[in-house]
Amino acid sequence: MKIKIDNQVVRMDILDKKSSINKQGIMVLANIMQESINGILDKRNKQQSQNLSEQFKDFKNDMMEKFNILTFA
């Protein structure tokens, strides 16, 4: 019985961590989207587009790394 409870606690901890990662990811995406919209409205230069592209790549890599850590932990 204790083992089942311990396993359930571990699962709940993993779900809590995944939820936190998702919340963080949503906030980062919202910021990137806002910058994209501002860039389109302001018709900013090519440098702005490159910066946004890098932010998307960094975001993707960060999220994949965090989920992989939880998956293989």
Protein backbone atom coordinates (compact mmCIF):
# COMPACT_ATOMS: atom_id res chain seq x y z
CA MET A 1 0.00 0.00 0.00
CA LYS A 2 2.83 2.40 0.88
CA ILE A 3 4.49 1.76 -2.50
CA LYS A 4 1.26 2.65 -4.32
CA ILE A 5 0.97 5.88 -2.36
CA ASP A 6 4.62 6.73 -3.04
CA ASN A 7 4.12 6.10 -6.77
CA GLN A 8 1.05 8.32 -6.75
CA VAL A 9 3.00 11.10 -5.01
CA VAL A 10 5.74 10.85 -7.65
CA ARG A 11 3.16 11.01 -10.45
CA MET A 12 1.51 14.05 -8.87
CA ASP A 13 4.90 15.74 -8.56
CA ILE A 14 5.64 15.13 -12.24
CA LEU A 15 2.22 16.47 -13.24
CA ASP A 16 2.81 19.57 -11.12
CA LYS A 17 6.17 20.16 -12.80
CA LYS A 18 4.66 19.69 -16.26
CA SER A 19 1.92 22.15 -15.39
CA SER A 20 4.51 24.72 -14.30
CA ILE A 21 6.47 24.21 -17.52
CA ASN A 22 3.29 24.66 -19.57
CA LYS A 23 2.42 27.88 -17.74
CA GLN A 24 5.93 29.21 -18.29
CA GLY A 25 5.77 28.25 -21.96
CA ILE A 26 2.46 30.00 -22.47
CA MET A 27 3.85 33.21 -20.97
CA VAL A 28 6.94 33.09 -23.19
CA LEU A 29 4.81 32.44 -26.28
CA ALA A 30 2.49 35.30 -25.37
CA ASN A 31 5.47 37.65 -25.14
CA ILE A 32 6.88 36.47 -28.46
CA MET A 33 3.49 36.83 -30.12
CA GLN A 34 3.13 40.36 -28.73
CA GLU A 35 6.55 41.30 -30.09
CA SER A 36 5.60 39.77 -33.45
CA ILE A 37 2.40 41.77 -33.60
CA ASN A 38 4.20 44.96 -32.62
CA GLY A 39 6.84 44.28 -35.27
CA ILE A 40 4.21 43.79 -37.95
CA LEU A 41 2.29 46.89 -36.94
CA ASP A 42 5.45 49.01 -36.72
CA LYS A 43 6.96 47.40 -39.84
CA ARG A 44 10.27 47.02 -38.07
CA ASN A 45 13.45 46.01 -39.81
CA LYS A 46 14.86 42.60 -40.66
CA GLN A 47 16.82 42.48 -37.38
CA GLN A 48 13.54 42.34 -35.43
CA SER A 49 12.40 39.34 -37.47
CA GLN A 50 15.69 37.55 -36.89
CA ASN A 51 15.45 38.22 -33.14
CA LEU A 52 11.94 36.77 -33.06
CA SER A 53 13.08 33.73 -35.00
CA GLU A 54 15.87 33.14 -32.48
CA GLN A 55 13.41 33.51 -29.60
CA PHE A 56 11.13 30.87 -31.11
CA LYS A 57 14.09 28.49 -31.56
CA ASP A 58 15.28 29.08 -28.00
CA PHE A 59 11.76 28.55 -26.68
CA LYS A 60 11.37 25.27 -28.56
CA ASN A 61 14.72 23.96 -27.36
CA ASP A 62 14.04 25.02 -23.77
CA MET A 63 10.63 23.34 -23.67
CA MET A 64 11.94 20.13 -25.25
CA GLU A 65 14.80 19.98 -22.75
CA LYS A 66 12.51 20.48 -19.76
CA PHE A 67 10.02 17.85 -20.87
CA ASN A 68 12.82 15.40 -21.67
CA ILE A 69 14.22 15.85 -18.16
CA LEU A 70 10.82 15.02 -16.67
CA THR A 71 10.25 12.11 -19.03
CA PHE A 72 13.54 10.39 -18.29
CA ALA A 73 13.68 11.24 -14.58
